[in-house]
PDB file of N, CA and C in Angstrom:
ATOM      1  N   UNK A   1     -36.800  17.255  79.581  1.00  0.00           N
ATOM      2  CA  UNK A   1     -36.181  16.488  81.084  1.00  0.00           C
ATOM      3  C   UNK A   1     -36.152  17.634  81.795  1.00  0.00           C
ATOM      4  N   UNK A   2     -37.291  17.570  83.068  1.00  0.00           N
ATOM      5  CA  UNK A   2     -36.367  19.037  84.126  1.00  0.00           C
ATOM      6  C   UNK A   2     -35.878  17.876  84.782  1.00  0.00           C
ATOM      7  N   UNK A   3     -34.817  18.750  85.163  1.00  0.00           N
ATOM      8  CA  UNK A   3     -33.241  18.849  86.372  1.00  0.00           C
ATOM      9  C   UNK A   3     -34.064  18.894  87.552  1.00  0.00           C
ATOM     10  N   UNK A   4     -33.851  18.299  88.694  1.00  0.00           N
ATOM     11  CA  UNK A   4     -34.324  19.308  89.833  1.00  0.00           C
ATOM     12  C   UNK A   4     -32.842  18.994  91.122  1.00  0.00           C
ATOM     13  N   UNK A   5     -32.070  20.467  91.131  1.00  0.00           N
ATOM     14  CA  UNK A   5     -31.068  20.277  92.293  1.00  0.00           C
ATOM     15  C   UNK A   5     -31.270  20.770  93.441  1.00  0.00           C
ATOM     16  N   UNK A   6     -30.677  19.864  94.609  1.00  0.00           N
ATOM     17  CA  UNK A   6     -31.030  19.696  96.018  1.00  0.00           C
ATOM     18  C   UNK A   6     -29.668  20.075  96.429  1.00  0.00           C
ATOM     19  N   UNK A   7     -29.746  20.847  97.587  1.00  0.00           N
ATOM     20  CA  UNK A   7     -28.449  21.232  98.816  1.00  0.00           C
ATOM     21  C   UNK A   7     -28.758  19.603  99.251  1.00  0.00           C
ATOM     22  N   UNK A   8     -27.677  19.074  99.947  1.00  0.00           N
ATOM     23  CA  UNK A   8     -27.580  17.986 100.795  1.00  0.00           C
ATOM     24  C   UNK A   8     -26.742  17.897 101.504  1.00  0.00           C
ATOM     25  N   UNK A   9     -26.891  19.155 102.585  1.00  0.00           N
ATOM     26  CA  UNK A   9     -25.956  19.322 103.606  1.00  0.00           C
ATOM     27  C   UNK A   9     -24.798  18.668 104.481  1.00  0.00           C
ATOM     28  N   UNK A  10     -25.670  17.182 104.787  1.00  0.00           N
ATOM     29  CA  UNK A  10     -25.434  16.081 105.364  1.00  0.00           C
ATOM     30  C   UNK A  10     -24.358  15.491 105.174  1.00  0.00           C
ATOM     31  N   UNK A  11     -24.549  15.167 103.438  1.00  0.00           N
ATOM     32  CA  UNK A  11     -23.900  14.777 102.527  1.00  0.00           C
ATOM     33  C   UNK A  11     -22.613  15.387 102.215  1.00  0.00           C
ATOM     34  N   UNK A  12     -22.674  17.375 102.188  1.00  0.00           N
ATOM     35  CA  UNK A  12     -21.633  18.080 101.790  1.00  0.00           C
ATOM     36  C   UNK A  12     -21.582  17.596 100.201  1.00  0.00           C
ATOM     37  N   UNK A  13     -22.894  17.975  99.831  1.00  0.00           N
ATOM     38  CA  UNK A  13     -23.158  17.869  97.958  1.00  0.00           C
ATOM     39  C   UNK A  13     -24.197  18.138  97.633  1.00  0.00           C
ATOM     40  N   UNK A  14     -24.037  18.714  96.129  1.00  0.00           N
ATOM     41  CA  UNK A  14     -25.516  19.090  95.823  1.00  0.00           C
ATOM     42  C   UNK A  14     -26.142  17.827  94.963  1.00  0.00           C
ATOM     43  N   UNK A  15     -27.392  17.652  95.031  1.00  0.00           N
ATOM     44  CA  UNK A  15     -27.669  16.834  93.738  1.00  0.00           C
ATOM     45  C   UNK A  15     -28.689  17.217  93.033  1.00  0.00           C
ATOM     46  N   UNK A  16     -28.400  16.012  91.924  1.00  0.00           N
ATOM     47  CA  UNK A  16     -29.271  16.334  90.609  1.00  0.00           C
ATOM     48  C   UNK A  16     -30.204  15.391  90.165  1.00  0.00           C
ATOM     49  N   UNK A  17     -31.592  15.445  89.924  1.00  0.00           N
ATOM     50  CA  UNK A  17     -32.371  14.181  90.228  1.00  0.00           C
ATOM     51  C   UNK A  17     -33.429  14.444  89.111  1.00  0.00           C
ATOM     52  N   UNK A  18     -33.932  13.728  88.056  1.00  0.00           N
ATOM     53  CA  UNK A  18     -34.226  14.171  86.631  1.00  0.00           C
ATOM     54  C   UNK A  18     -35.986  13.430  87.583  1.00  0.00           C
ATOM     55  N   UNK A  19     -36.686  14.497  86.603  1.00  0.00           N
ATOM     56  CA  UNK A  19     -38.201  13.886  86.914  1.00  0.00           C
ATOM     57  C   UNK A  19     -38.344  12.546  86.277  1.00  0.00           C
ATOM     58  N   UNK A  20     -39.294  12.333  87.394  1.00  0.00           N
ATOM     59  CA  UNK A  20     -39.956  10.752  86.126  1.00  0.00           C
ATOM     60  C   UNK A  20     -38.628   9.526  86.831  1.00  0.00           C
ATOM     61  N   UNK A  21     -38.069   9.439  87.110  1.00  0.00           N
ATOM     62  CA  UNK A  21     -36.287   9.242  86.973  1.00  0.00           C
ATOM     63  C   UNK A  21     -35.911   8.459  88.818  1.00  0.00           C
ATOM     64  N   UNK A  22     -35.763   7.315  89.216  1.00  0.00           N
ATOM     65  CA  UNK A  22     -35.642   7.448  90.880  1.00  0.00           C
ATOM     66  C   UNK A  22     -34.170   7.692  90.436  1.00  0.00           C
ATOM     67  N   UNK A  23     -33.438   7.842  91.596  1.00  0.00           N
ATOM     68  CA  UNK A  23     -32.248   7.629  91.668  1.00  0.00           C
ATOM     69  C   UNK A  23     -31.145   9.488  91.665  1.00  0.00           C
ATOM     70  N   UNK A  24     -30.062   9.247  91.808  1.00  0.00           N
ATOM     71  CA  UNK A  24     -29.430  10.934  91.762  1.00  0.00           C
ATOM     72  C   UNK A  24     -28.673  10.771  90.415  1.00  0.00           C
ATOM     73  N   UNK A  25     -28.989  11.350  89.587  1.00  0.00           N
ATOM     74  CA  UNK A  25     -28.339  11.571  88.275  1.00  0.00           C
ATOM     75  C   UNK A  25     -27.001  12.096  88.651  1.00  0.00           C
ATOM     76  N   UNK A  26     -26.598  12.762  88.953  1.00  0.00           N
ATOM     77  CA  UNK A  26     -25.656  13.553  89.413  1.00  0.00           C
ATOM     78  C   UNK A  26     -25.071  14.289  90.841  1.00  0.00           C
ATOM     79  N   UNK A  27     -23.467  14.465  91.189  1.00  0.00           N
ATOM     80  CA  UNK A  27     -23.843  15.170  91.656  1.00  0.00           C
ATOM     81  C   UNK A  27     -22.212  16.292  92.289  1.00  0.00           C
ATOM     82  N   UNK A  28     -22.585  17.307  93.239  1.00  0.00           N
ATOM     83  CA  UNK A  28     -21.383  18.179  93.263  1.00  0.00           C
ATOM     84  C   UNK A  28     -21.041  18.365  94.711  1.00  0.00           C
ATOM     85  N   UNK A  29     -19.748  17.701  94.688  1.00  0.00           N
ATOM     86  CA  UNK A  29     -19.262  17.075  95.740  1.00  0.00           C
ATOM     87  C   UNK A  29     -18.873  18.682  97.059  1.00  0.00           C
ATOM     88  N   UNK A  30     -18.484  19.343  97.857  1.00  0.00           N
ATOM     89  CA  UNK A  30     -18.217  20.479  98.733  1.00  0.00           C
ATOM     90  C   UNK A  30     -17.442  20.696  99.924  1.00  0.00           C
ATOM     91  N   UNK A  31     -16.539  21.553 100.230  1.00  0.00           N
ATOM     92  CA  UNK A  31     -16.521  21.570 101.879  1.00  0.00           C
ATOM     93  C   UNK A  31     -16.693  23.284 101.502  1.00  0.00           C
ATOM     94  N   UNK A  32     -17.480  23.711 102.545  1.00  0.00           N
ATOM     95  CA  UNK A  32     -17.862  24.740 103.403  1.00  0.00           C
ATOM     96  C   UNK A  32     -17.719  25.748 104.084  1.00  0.00           C
ATOM     97  N   UNK A  33     -17.384  26.836 104.110  1.00  0.00           N
ATOM     98  CA  UNK A  33     -16.766  27.411 105.547  1.00  0.00           C
ATOM     99  C   UNK A  33     -17.931  28.354 105.463  1.00  0.00           C
ATOM    100  N   UNK A  34     -18.401  29.610 106.498  1.00  0.00           N
ATOM    101  CA  UNK A  34     -18.899  30.463 106.235  1.00  0.00           C
ATOM    102  C   UNK A  34     -18.654  31.636 105.367  1.00  0.00           C
ATOM    103  N   UNK A  35     -17.296  31.469 105.060  1.00  0.00           N
ATOM    104  CA  UNK A  35     -17.296  32.819 103.828  1.00  0.00           C
ATOM    105  C   UNK A  35     -17.198  32.082 102.708  1.00  0.00           C
ATOM    106  N   UNK A  36     -16.557  30.722 102.398  1.00  0.00           N
ATOM    107  CA  UNK A  36     -16.189  30.422 101.177  1.00  0.00           C
ATOM    108  C   UNK A  36     -17.079  28.483 100.968  1.00  0.00           C
ATOM    109  N   UNK A  37     -16.984  28.650  99.637  1.00  0.00           N
ATOM    110  CA  UNK A  37     -17.497  27.150  99.253  1.00  0.00           C
ATOM    111  C   UNK A  37     -16.590  26.716  98.150  1.00  0.00           C
ATOM    112  N   UNK A  38     -16.017  25.416  98.398  1.00  0.00           N
ATOM    113  CA  UNK A  38     -14.943  25.202  97.468  1.00  0.00           C
ATOM    114  C   UNK A  38     -15.541  23.478  97.131  1.00  0.00           C
ATOM    115  N   UNK A  39     -15.859  23.771  95.256  1.00  0.00           N
ATOM    116  CA  UNK A  39     -16.149  22.927  94.730  1.00  0.00           C
ATOM    117  C   UNK A  39     -14.813  21.843  94.340  1.00  0.00           C
ATOM    118  N   UNK A  40     -14.975  20.528  95.058  1.00  0.00           N
ATOM    119  CA  UNK A  40     -14.404  19.344  95.314  1.00  0.00           C
ATOM    120  C   UNK A  40     -14.226  18.592  93.930  1.00  0.00           C
ATOM    121  N   UNK A  41     -15.654  18.463  93.541  1.00  0.00           N
ATOM    122  CA  UNK A  41     -15.105  17.180  92.757  1.00  0.00           C
ATOM    123  C   UNK A  41     -17.110  16.764  92.159  1.00  0.00           C
ATOM    124  N   UNK A  42     -17.513  17.014  90.640  1.00  0.00           N
ATOM    125  CA  UNK A  42     -18.289  16.589  90.441  1.00  0.00           C
ATOM    126  C   UNK A  42     -18.472  15.257  89.706  1.00  0.00           C
ATOM    127  N   UNK A  43     -19.954  14.947  89.721  1.00  0.00           N
ATOM    128  CA  UNK A  43     -20.141  13.278  88.822  1.00  0.00           C
ATOM    129  C   UNK A  43     -21.477  13.142  87.959  1.00  0.00           C
ATOM    130  N   UNK A  44     -21.392  13.008  87.019  1.00  0.00           N
ATOM    131  CA  UNK A  44     -22.712  12.570  86.118  1.00  0.00           C
ATOM    132  C   UNK A  44     -22.253  11.455  85.640  1.00  0.00           C
ATOM    133  N   UNK A  45     -24.043  10.555  85.872  1.00  0.00           N
ATOM    134  CA  UNK A  45     -24.084   9.300  85.503  1.00  0.00           C
ATOM    135  C   UNK A  45     -23.667   9.340  83.654  1.00  0.00           C
ATOM    136  N   UNK A  46     -22.930   8.396  83.175  1.00  0.00           N
ATOM    137  CA  UNK A  46     -22.718   8.338  81.832  1.00  0.00           C
ATOM    138  C   UNK A  46     -23.987   8.456  81.000  1.00  0.00           C
ATOM    139  N   UNK A  47     -25.515   7.814  81.783  1.00  0.00           N
ATOM    140  CA  UNK A  47     -26.599   7.488  81.039  1.00  0.00           C
ATOM    141  C   UNK A  47     -26.920   8.858  80.935  1.00  0.00           C
ATOM    142  N   UNK A  48     -26.332  10.187  81.710  1.00  0.00           N
ATOM    143  CA  UNK A  48     -26.818  11.556  81.709  1.00  0.00           C
ATOM    144  C   UNK A  48     -26.309  12.393  81.111  1.00  0.00           C
ATOM    145  N   UNK A  49     -25.387  11.708  80.870  1.00  0.00           N
ATOM    146  CA  UNK A  49     -24.320  13.173  80.446  1.00  0.00           C
ATOM    147  C   UNK A  49     -24.714  13.636  79.184  1.00  0.00           C
ATOM    148  N   UNK A  50     -24.373  15.239  78.739  1.00  0.00           N
ATOM    149  CA  UNK A  50     -25.315  15.568  77.547  1.00  0.00           C
ATOM    150  C   UNK A  50     -26.023  16.399  77.777  1.00  0.00           C
ATOM    151  N   UNK A  51     -27.037  16.022  78.921  1.00  0.00           N
ATOM    152  CA  UNK A  51     -28.525  15.914  78.876  1.00  0.00           C
ATOM    153  C   UNK A  51     -28.933  17.517  79.812  1.00  0.00           C
ATOM    154  N   UNK A  52     -27.364  18.253  80.376  1.00  0.00           N
ATOM    155  CA  UNK A  52     -27.430  19.190  80.877  1.00  0.00           C
ATOM    156  C   UNK A  52     -27.367  19.233  82.491  1.00  0.00           C
ATOM    157  N   UNK A  53     -27.703  17.919  82.820  1.00  0.00           N
ATOM    158  CA  UNK A  53     -26.892  17.946  84.306  1.00  0.00           C
ATOM    159  C   UNK A  53     -26.190  18.309  84.792  1.00  0.00           C
ATOM    160  N   UNK A  54     -25.017  18.670  84.497  1.00  0.00           N
ATOM    161  CA  UNK A  54     -24.091  19.108  84.967  1.00  0.00           C
ATOM    162  C   UNK A  54     -23.526  20.469  85.101  1.00  0.00           C
ATOM    163  N   UNK A  55     -24.701  21.362  84.465  1.00  0.00           N
ATOM    164  CA  UNK A  55     -24.684  22.478  84.059  1.00  0.00           C
ATOM    165  C   UNK A  55     -25.992  23.218  85.059  1.00  0.00           C
ATOM    166  N   UNK A  56     -26.869  22.384  85.196  1.00  0.00           N
ATOM    167  CA  UNK A  56     -27.851  22.538  86.353  1.00  0.00           C
ATOM    168  C   UNK A  56     -27.297  22.689  87.723  1.00  0.00           C
ATOM    169  N   UNK A  57     -26.701  21.942  88.042  1.00  0.00           N
ATOM    170  CA  UNK A  57     -25.494  21.835  89.184  1.00  0.00           C
ATOM    171  C   UNK A  57     -24.904  23.130  89.344  1.00  0.00           C
ATOM    172  N   UNK A  58     -24.048  22.885  88.368  1.00  0.00           N
ATOM    173  CA  UNK A  58     -23.378  24.561  88.205  1.00  0.00           C
ATOM    174  C   UNK A  58     -24.321  25.530  88.618  1.00  0.00           C
ATOM    175  N   UNK A  59     -24.788  26.079  87.805  1.00  0.00           N
ATOM    176  CA  UNK A  59     -26.104  27.688  88.305  1.00  0.00           C
ATOM    177  C   UNK A  59     -26.717  27.405  88.813  1.00  0.00           C
ATOM    178  N   UNK A  60     -26.855  26.083  90.046  1.00  0.00           N
ATOM    179  CA  UNK A  60     -28.030  25.960  90.896  1.00  0.00           C
ATOM    180  C   UNK A  60     -27.191  26.441  92.234  1.00  0.00           C
ATOM    181  N   UNK A  61     -26.276  25.554  92.141  1.00  0.00           N
ATOM    182  CA  UNK A  61     -24.872  25.797  93.357  1.00  0.00           C
ATOM    183  C   UNK A  61     -24.189  26.866  93.417  1.00  0.00           C
ATOM    184  N   UNK A  62     -23.987  27.811  92.637  1.00  0.00           N
ATOM    185  CA  UNK A  62     -22.912  29.033  92.083  1.00  0.00           C
ATOM    186  C   UNK A  62     -23.920  29.890  92.262  1.00  0.00           C
ATOM    187  N   UNK A  63     -25.633  30.133  91.906  1.00  0.00           N
ATOM    188  CA  UNK A  63     -26.933  31.486  92.385  1.00  0.00           C
ATOM    189  C   UNK A  63     -26.817  30.720  93.962  1.00  0.00           C
ATOM    190  N   UNK A  64     -26.910  29.598  94.467  1.00  0.00           N
ATOM    191  CA  UNK A  64     -27.142  30.018  96.347  1.00  0.00           C
ATOM    192  C   UNK A  64     -26.198  30.377  96.352  1.00  0.00           C
ATOM    193  N   UNK A  65     -24.687  29.909  96.080  1.00  0.00           N
ATOM    194  CA  UNK A  65     -23.569  30.442  96.751  1.00  0.00           C
ATOM    195  C   UNK A  65     -23.659  32.357  96.677  1.00  0.00           C
ATOM    196  N   UNK A  66     -24.168  32.863  95.585  1.00  0.00           N
ATOM    197  CA  UNK A  66     -23.884  34.341  95.621  1.00  0.00           C
ATOM    198  C   UNK A  66     -25.354  34.640  96.817  1.00  0.00           C
ATOM    199  N   UNK A  67     -26.478  34.012  96.573  1.00  0.00           N
ATOM    200  CA  UNK A  67     -27.605  34.393  97.508  1.00  0.00           C
ATOM    201  C   UNK A  67     -26.613  34.290  99.086  1.00  0.00           C
ATOM    202  N   UNK A  68     -26.222  33.317  99.071  1.00  0.00           N
ATOM    203  CA  UNK A  68     -25.363  33.693 100.924  1.00  0.00           C
ATOM    204  C   UNK A  68     -24.079  34.127 100.838  1.00  0.00           C
ATOM    205  N   UNK A  69     -23.816  35.008 100.195  1.00  0.00           N
ATOM    206  CA  UNK A  69     -22.851  35.818 100.422  1.00  0.00           C
ATOM    207  C   UNK A  69     -21.259  34.722 100.153  1.00  0.00           C
ATOM    208  N   UNK A  70     -21.374  34.091  99.377  1.00  0.00           N
ATOM    209  CA  UNK A  70     -19.953  32.876  99.838  1.00  0.00           C
ATOM    210  C   UNK A  70     -18.953  33.362  98.500  1.00  0.00           C
ATOM    211  N   UNK A  71     -17.841  32.954  98.714  1.00  0.00           N
ATOM    212  CA  UNK A  71     -16.991  32.901  97.819  1.00  0.00           C
ATOM    213  C   UNK A  71     -16.863  31.648  97.083  1.00  0.00           C
ATOM    214  N   UNK A  72     -16.172  31.320  96.103  1.00  0.00           N
ATOM    215  CA  UNK A  72     -16.076  30.133  95.462  1.00  0.00           C
ATOM    216  C   UNK A  72     -15.212  29.734  94.937  1.00  0.00           C
ATOM    217  N   UNK A  73     -14.436  28.497  95.474  1.00  0.00           N
ATOM    218  CA  UNK A  73     -13.231  28.295  94.986  1.00  0.00           C
ATOM    219  C   UNK A  73     -13.474  26.561  94.389  1.00  0.00           C
ATOM    220  N   UNK A  74     -12.992  26.855  92.947  1.00  0.00           N
ATOM    221  CA  UNK A  74     -13.465  26.116  92.015  1.00  0.00           C
ATOM    222  C   UNK A  74     -12.196  24.847  91.700  1.00  0.00           C
ATOM    223  N   UNK A  75     -11.876  24.149  92.480  1.00  0.00           N
ATOM    224  CA  UNK A  75     -10.728  22.930  92.326  1.00  0.00           C
ATOM    225  C   UNK A  75     -11.549  21.651  91.408  1.00  0.00           C
ATOM    226  N   UNK A  76     -12.544  21.734  91.626  1.00  0.00           N
ATOM    227  CA  UNK A  76     -13.259  20.962  90.098  1.00  0.00           C
ATOM    228  C   UNK A  76     -13.177  21.216  89.001  1.00  0.00           C
ATOM    229  N   UNK A  77     -12.260  20.159  87.698  1.00  0.00           N
ATOM    230  CA  UNK A  77     -11.968  20.683  86.588  1.00  0.00           C
ATOM    231  C   UNK A  77     -13.543  20.855  86.298  1.00  0.00           C
ATOM    232  N   UNK A  78     -14.515  20.044  86.812  1.00  0.00           N
ATOM    233  CA  UNK A  78     -15.781  20.913  86.020  1.00  0.00           C
ATOM    234  C   UNK A  78     -16.204  22.139  86.102  1.00  0.00           C
ATOM    235  N   UNK A  79     -16.460  22.752  87.298  1.00  0.00           N
ATOM    236  CA  UNK A  79     -16.270  23.454  87.940  1.00  0.00           C
ATOM    237  C   UNK A  79     -15.847  25.119  87.319  1.00  0.00           C
ATOM    238  N   UNK A  80     -14.445  24.758  87.255  1.00  0.00           N
ATOM    239  CA  UNK A  80     -13.170  25.581  86.850  1.00  0.00           C
ATOM    240  C   UNK A  80     -13.600  25.800  85.572  1.00  0.00           C
ATOM    241  N   UNK A  81     -14.129  24.771  84.642  1.00  0.00           N
ATOM    242  CA  UNK A  81     -14.414  25.189  83.362  1.00  0.00           C
ATOM    243  C   UNK A  81     -15.788  25.885  82.859  1.00  0.00           C
ATOM    244  N   UNK A  82     -16.569  24.919  83.929  1.00  0.00           N
ATOM    245  CA  UNK A  82     -18.054  26.023  83.516  1.00  0.00           C
ATOM    246  C   UNK A  82     -17.994  27.355  83.568  1.00  0.00           C
ATOM    247  N   UNK A  83     -17.394  27.797  84.762  1.00  0.00           N
ATOM    248  CA  UNK A  83     -17.276  29.327  85.437  1.00  0.00           C
ATOM    249  C   UNK A  83     -16.394  29.893  84.082  1.00  0.00           C
ATOM    250  N   UNK A  84     -15.237  29.179  83.885  1.00  0.00           N
ATOM    251  CA  UNK A  84     -14.720  30.371  82.753  1.00  0.00           C
ATOM    252  C   UNK A  84     -15.347  30.286  81.845  1.00  0.00           C
ATOM    253  N   UNK A  85     -16.239  29.432  80.832  1.00  0.00           N
ATOM    254  CA  UNK A  85     -17.438  29.844  80.339  1.00  0.00           C
ATOM    255  C   UNK A  85     -18.736  30.909  79.981  1.00  0.00           C
ATOM    256  N   UNK A  86     -18.778  30.783  81.770  1.00  0.00           N
ATOM    257  CA  UNK A  86     -19.921  31.449  82.058  1.00  0.00           C
ATOM    258  C   UNK A  86     -19.543  32.711  82.677  1.00  0.00           C
ATOM    259  N   UNK A  87     -19.097  34.151  82.086  1.00  0.00           N
ATOM    260  CA  UNK A  87     -18.261  35.128  83.296  1.00  0.00           C
ATOM    261  C   UNK A  87     -19.353  35.423  83.991  1.00  0.00           C
ATOM    262  N   UNK A  88     -20.473  35.651  83.742  1.00  0.00           N
ATOM    263  CA  UNK A  88     -21.705  36.349  84.878  1.00  0.00           C
ATOM    264  C   UNK A  88     -21.125  35.093  85.951  1.00  0.00           C
ATOM    265  N   UNK A  89     -20.478  35.007  86.434  1.00  0.00           N
ATOM    266  CA  UNK A  89     -20.186  34.082  87.741  1.00  0.00           C
ATOM    267  C   UNK A  89     -18.563  34.007  88.553  1.00  0.00           C
ATOM    268  N   UNK A  90     -17.950  34.685  87.141  1.00  0.00           N
ATOM    269  CA  UNK A  90     -16.664  35.142  87.706  1.00  0.00           C
ATOM    270  C   UNK A  90     -16.528  35.759  88.661  1.00  0.00           C
ATOM    271  N   UNK A  91     -17.375  36.792  89.030  1.00  0.00           N
ATOM    272  CA  UNK A  91     -17.213  37.118  90.310  1.00  0.00           C
ATOM    273  C   UNK A  91     -17.403  36.842  91.658  1.00  0.00           C
ATOM    274  N   UNK A  92     -17.710  35.593  91.589  1.00  0.00           N
ATOM    275  CA  UNK A  92     -17.933  34.870  92.786  1.00  0.00           C
ATOM    276  C   UNK A  92     -16.304  34.006  93.259  1.00  0.00           C
ATOM    277  N   UNK A  93     -15.764  33.981  92.204  1.00  0.00           N
ATOM    278  CA  UNK A  93     -14.485  33.369  92.680  1.00  0.00           C
ATOM    279  C   UNK A  93     -13.393  33.824  93.904  1.00  0.00           C
ATOM    280  N   UNK A  94     -12.928  32.575  94.882  1.00  0.00           N
ATOM    281  CA  UNK A  94     -12.031  33.399  95.526  1.00  0.00           C
ATOM    282  C   UNK A  94     -11.460  33.785  94.867  1.00  0.00           C
ATOM    283  N   UNK A  95     -10.721  35.032  95.542  1.00  0.00           N
ATOM    284  CA  UNK A  95      -9.309  35.665  95.625  1.00  0.00           C
ATOM    285  C   UNK A  95      -8.283  35.626  96.296  1.00  0.00           C
ATOM    286  N   UNK A  96      -7.325  35.159  96.985  1.00  0.00           N
ATOM    287  CA  UNK A  96      -6.584  35.301  97.895  1.00  0.00           C
ATOM    288  C   UNK A  96      -6.170  36.960  98.228  1.00  0.00           C
ATOM    289  N   UNK A  97      -6.391  37.560  99.393  1.00  0.00           N
ATOM    290  CA  UNK A  97      -5.917  38.659  99.843  1.00  0.00           C
ATOM    291  C   UNK A  97      -4.869  38.900 100.470  1.00  0.00           C
ATOM    292  N   UNK A  98      -3.838  37.874 100.923  1.00  0.00           N
ATOM    293  CA  UNK A  98      -2.292  37.807 101.648  1.00  0.00           C
ATOM    294  C   UNK A  98      -1.404  38.533 100.910  1.00  0.00           C
ATOM    295  N   UNK A  99      -0.918  38.626 101.951  1.00  0.00           N
ATOM    296  CA  UNK A  99       0.096  40.160 101.403  1.00  0.00           C
ATOM    297  C   UNK A  99       1.366  39.347 101.670  1.00  0.00           C
ATOM    298  N   UNK A 100       2.080  39.606 100.986  1.00  0.00           N
ATOM    299  CA  UNK A 100       3.638  38.443 101.182  1.00  0.00           C
ATOM    300  C   UNK A 100       4.456  40.036 101.968  1.00  0.00           C
ATOM    301  N   UNK A 101       5.013  39.248 103.081  1.00  0.00           N
ATOM    302  CA  UNK A 101       5.463  40.612 103.722  1.00  0.00           C
ATOM    303  C   UNK A 101       7.446  40.259 103.326  1.00  0.00           C
ATOM    304  N   UNK A 102       7.827  41.721 103.352  1.00  0.00           N
ATOM    305  CA  UNK A 102       9.004  41.709 102.991  1.00  0.00           C
ATOM    306  C   UNK A 102      10.364  41.309 103.998  1.00  0.00           C
TER     307      UNK A 102
END
C-alpha cells in the first residue's frame, strides 16, 4: 500500500491518499507563518487507521518543515506524540525565546 502525502496550501493542510483509492485517507491541518508551522489537528479515516497513514502525514510534513527551515509547534496530540517517539524530529520544535523582565 503506497501512501502519497501532499501539501494543499489553499486548504491549509497536508492530505494523504492511498494509491488506487479515491478520496482522502487522512489529513493534518496547520497554521503557517514565515517562521513557524503549527499542526493543530490530524485525522485519519477509521478504515485507514493502523496502516501508516498518520506516520506518513507526520514524516512528510516535518521533512518539508525542515527543508523550509520552519520551527514546529505541535498542538495536535497526534503530532506531539509522534515527535516524542521520533527524536530525530525534536530539533524542529519551537522553543519560546521570550524573556521575563524584572
